Amino acid sequence: MNTPNLTALQYPIGKFSFDENISSEKRKSFIVEIEAAPIKLREAVKGLTEKQLDIQYRPEGWTVRQVVHHVADSHINAYVRMKLALTQEEPTICAYEEKDWAKLEDVFHTPIEVSLDLLDSLHKRWTILLKSLTEADCKRKLNHPESGIKTVDWLIALYAWHGKHHTAHITSLKERKGW
């Protein structure tokens, strides 16, 4: 069996990139990806045992369990960040230490079903919001302490990628392990 290199394991669909000149068709495809993310994540973990949930998707990476809870944590933050950008003038958003969040006890003691259900509900609301955005809304800005000034379009593209990125961590692990 050929083991992928660490970069391929860390970025199974490639690193995030963003084209500032996003078309409305491309934005719609990103929204479809965001809408589908909870379903695809749920499919990726379907049938995994508790033991399998505690396996790292790559050396020095998170466990499958940590990945699922991270996606919920991250997407909650993204939703709030987007609402801030839509209701305030260029707000500075709060950064968080995702690696530290992934080590908190709730990650290890909460069934993944809780985060999967949370994502289902969150993405239903988020998708309604996303489908209502105007072109002007998508150009609204926020200040990310680590990334600088970004737009709502950037958030949309990032989180379309983010859901696929983490789902691919799980599906590529399953493929390598023959699960």
Protein backbone atom coordinates (compact mmCIF):
# COMPACT_ATOMS: atom_id res chain seq x y z
CA MET A 1 0.00 0.00 0.00
CA ASN A 2 1.34 3.40 -1.00
CA THR A 3 1.15 5.92 1.89
CA PRO A 4 0.57 9.53 0.79
CA ASN A 5 3.04 12.15 1.97
CA LEU A 6 2.16 14.27 5.00
CA THR A 7 1.06 17.27 2.92
CA ALA A 8 -1.34 15.08 0.94
CA LEU A 9 -2.69 13.68 4.22
CA GLN A 10 -3.09 17.16 5.69
CA TYR A 11 -4.63 18.67 2.53
CA PRO A 12 -6.36 15.81 0.70
CA ILE A 13 -8.28 18.21 -1.57
CA GLY A 14 -5.46 20.79 -1.73
CA LYS A 15 -4.95 24.01 0.18
CA PHE A 16 -7.61 26.72 0.17
CA SER A 17 -7.28 29.35 -2.53
CA PHE A 18 -9.58 32.24 -3.29
CA ASP A 19 -10.26 34.20 -6.47
CA GLU A 20 -11.48 37.68 -5.53
CA ASN A 21 -13.52 37.87 -8.77
CA ILE A 22 -16.09 35.29 -7.77
CA SER A 23 -19.01 34.88 -10.17
CA SER A 24 -22.57 34.51 -8.96
CA GLU A 25 -22.59 30.97 -10.42
CA LYS A 26 -19.45 30.04 -8.48
CA ARG A 27 -20.92 31.55 -5.30
CA LYS A 28 -24.08 29.46 -5.83
CA SER A 29 -21.95 26.32 -6.16
CA PHE A 30 -20.16 27.20 -2.90
CA ILE A 31 -23.52 27.61 -1.18
CA VAL A 32 -24.61 24.20 -2.47
CA GLU A 33 -21.40 22.75 -1.00
CA ILE A 34 -22.04 24.41 2.36
CA GLU A 35 -25.61 23.13 2.33
CA ALA A 36 -24.40 19.56 1.61
CA ALA A 37 -21.51 19.55 4.10
CA PRO A 38 -23.41 18.05 7.07
CA ILE A 39 -24.83 15.25 4.93
CA LYS A 40 -21.42 14.39 3.48
CA LEU A 41 -19.74 14.47 6.90
CA ARG A 42 -22.46 12.23 8.34
CA GLU A 43 -22.00 9.80 5.43
CA ALA A 44 -18.23 9.78 5.99
CA VAL A 45 -18.53 8.68 9.64
CA LYS A 46 -21.47 6.30 9.14
CA GLY A 47 -20.75 2.89 10.59
CA LEU A 48 -17.46 3.83 12.27
CA THR A 49 -16.84 2.22 15.64
CA GLU A 50 -15.86 4.12 18.78
CA LYS A 51 -12.33 2.75 18.32
CA GLN A 52 -12.20 4.00 14.72
CA LEU A 53 -13.43 7.45 15.81
CA ASP A 54 -10.37 7.69 18.04
CA ILE A 55 -7.85 7.07 15.25
CA GLN A 56 -5.87 10.01 13.89
CA TYR A 57 -6.44 10.76 10.23
CA ARG A 58 -2.69 11.45 9.87
CA PRO A 59 0.39 11.34 12.10
CA GLU A 60 0.21 14.23 14.60
CA GLY A 61 -3.30 15.02 13.34
CA TRP A 62 -6.65 14.96 15.05
CA THR A 63 -8.76 11.89 15.59
CA VAL A 64 -11.91 11.43 13.52
CA ARG A 65 -13.88 12.38 16.65
CA GLN A 66 -11.92 15.63 17.00
CA VAL A 67 -12.44 16.42 13.31
CA VAL A 68 -16.23 16.08 13.60
CA HIS A 69 -16.42 18.30 16.68
CA HIS A 70 -13.99 20.78 15.09
CA VAL A 71 -16.20 21.18 12.03
CA ALA A 72 -19.13 22.08 14.30
CA ASP A 73 -17.00 24.53 16.32
CA SER A 74 -15.58 26.12 13.19
CA HIS A 75 -18.86 26.44 11.34
CA ILE A 76 -20.57 27.99 14.36
CA ASN A 77 -17.81 30.60 14.39
CA ALA A 78 -18.13 31.12 10.63
CA TYR A 79 -21.88 31.69 10.89
CA VAL A 80 -21.42 34.26 13.64
CA ARG A 81 -18.59 35.96 11.75
CA MET A 82 -20.75 36.21 8.66
CA LYS A 83 -23.65 37.72 10.61
CA LEU A 84 -21.25 40.24 12.16
CA ALA A 85 -19.95 41.20 8.72
CA LEU A 86 -23.51 41.63 7.47
CA THR A 87 -24.64 43.81 10.39
CA GLN A 88 -21.58 45.85 11.35
CA GLU A 89 -19.15 48.02 9.45
CA GLU A 90 -15.96 46.00 8.95
CA PRO A 91 -16.03 44.27 12.34
CA THR A 92 -12.90 42.74 13.81
CA ILE A 93 -13.87 39.16 14.47
CA CYS A 94 -12.67 37.03 17.32
CA ALA A 95 -10.03 34.43 16.54
CA TYR A 96 -9.93 31.18 18.47
CA GLU A 97 -7.30 28.52 19.05
CA GLU A 98 -8.83 25.58 17.22
CA LYS A 99 -6.08 23.21 18.37
CA ASP A 100 -6.87 24.06 21.99
CA TRP A 101 -10.62 23.74 21.41
CA ALA A 102 -10.00 20.24 20.00
CA LYS A 103 -8.40 19.23 23.31
CA LEU A 104 -11.29 20.28 25.56
CA GLU A 105 -13.19 17.58 27.43
CA ASP A 106 -16.46 18.07 25.56
CA VAL A 107 -14.70 16.82 22.42
CA PHE A 108 -13.87 13.52 24.09
CA HIS A 109 -17.10 13.03 26.04
CA THR A 110 -19.79 14.21 23.63
CA PRO A 111 -21.10 11.72 21.08
CA ILE A 112 -20.34 12.86 17.53
CA GLU A 113 -24.06 12.65 16.81
CA VAL A 114 -24.50 15.84 18.87
CA SER A 115 -22.17 17.78 16.57
CA LEU A 116 -23.66 16.17 13.47
CA ASP A 117 -27.16 17.22 14.57
CA LEU A 118 -25.87 20.70 15.40
CA LEU A 119 -24.38 20.97 11.90
CA ASP A 120 -27.67 19.87 10.32
CA SER A 121 -29.56 22.67 12.07
CA LEU A 122 -26.84 25.28 11.70
CA HIS A 123 -26.43 24.65 7.99
CA LYS A 124 -30.19 24.86 7.41
CA ARG A 125 -30.20 28.37 8.89
CA TRP A 126 -26.90 29.31 7.28
CA THR A 127 -28.09 28.21 3.84
CA ILE A 128 -31.26 30.30 4.17
CA LEU A 129 -29.08 33.29 5.00
CA LEU A 130 -26.61 32.57 2.19
CA LYS A 131 -29.33 32.26 -0.44
CA SER A 132 -30.73 35.65 0.61
CA LEU A 133 -27.47 37.57 0.14
CA THR A 134 -27.18 40.32 -2.45
CA GLU A 135 -24.06 41.06 -4.45
CA ALA A 136 -23.41 44.02 -2.10
CA ASP A 137 -23.77 41.76 0.95
CA CYS A 138 -21.12 39.42 -0.45
CA LYS A 139 -18.66 42.30 -0.78
CA ARG A 140 -19.07 43.39 2.85
CA LYS A 141 -15.86 43.19 4.83
CA LEU A 142 -14.58 41.93 8.12
CA ASN A 143 -11.19 42.09 9.78
CA HIS A 144 -9.79 38.67 10.61
CA PRO A 145 -6.96 39.08 13.19
CA GLU A 146 -4.84 36.42 11.43
CA SER A 147 -5.83 36.91 7.77
CA GLY A 148 -6.55 40.63 7.51
CA ILE A 149 -9.46 42.29 5.72
CA LYS A 150 -11.70 39.70 4.05
CA THR A 151 -15.12 39.67 2.40
CA VAL A 152 -18.26 37.64 2.94
CA ASP A 153 -17.44 36.01 -0.42
CA TRP A 154 -14.13 34.86 1.09
CA LEU A 155 -16.01 33.32 4.03
CA ILE A 156 -18.38 31.54 1.68
CA ALA A 157 -15.54 30.10 -0.40
CA LEU A 158 -13.50 29.18 2.67
CA TYR A 159 -16.29 27.27 4.34
CA ALA A 160 -17.32 25.48 1.15
CA TRP A 161 -13.71 24.26 1.06
CA HIS A 162 -13.54 23.65 4.82
CA GLY A 163 -16.39 21.13 4.93
CA LYS A 164 -14.97 19.19 1.98
CA HIS A 165 -11.44 19.40 3.44
CA HIS A 166 -12.34 17.76 6.74
CA THR A 167 -14.71 15.24 5.21
CA ALA A 168 -11.83 14.19 2.94
CA HIS A 169 -9.65 13.64 6.02
CA ILE A 170 -12.12 10.99 7.11
CA THR A 171 -12.86 9.46 3.72
CA SER A 172 -9.17 9.22 2.80
CA LEU A 173 -8.42 7.57 6.17
CA LYS A 174 -11.21 5.06 5.56
CA GLU A 175 -9.82 4.34 2.11
CA ARG A 176 -6.27 3.85 3.41
CA LYS A 177 -7.49 1.58 6.22
CA GLY A 178 -9.93 -0.34 4.02
CA TRP A 179 -12.91 0.46 6.25
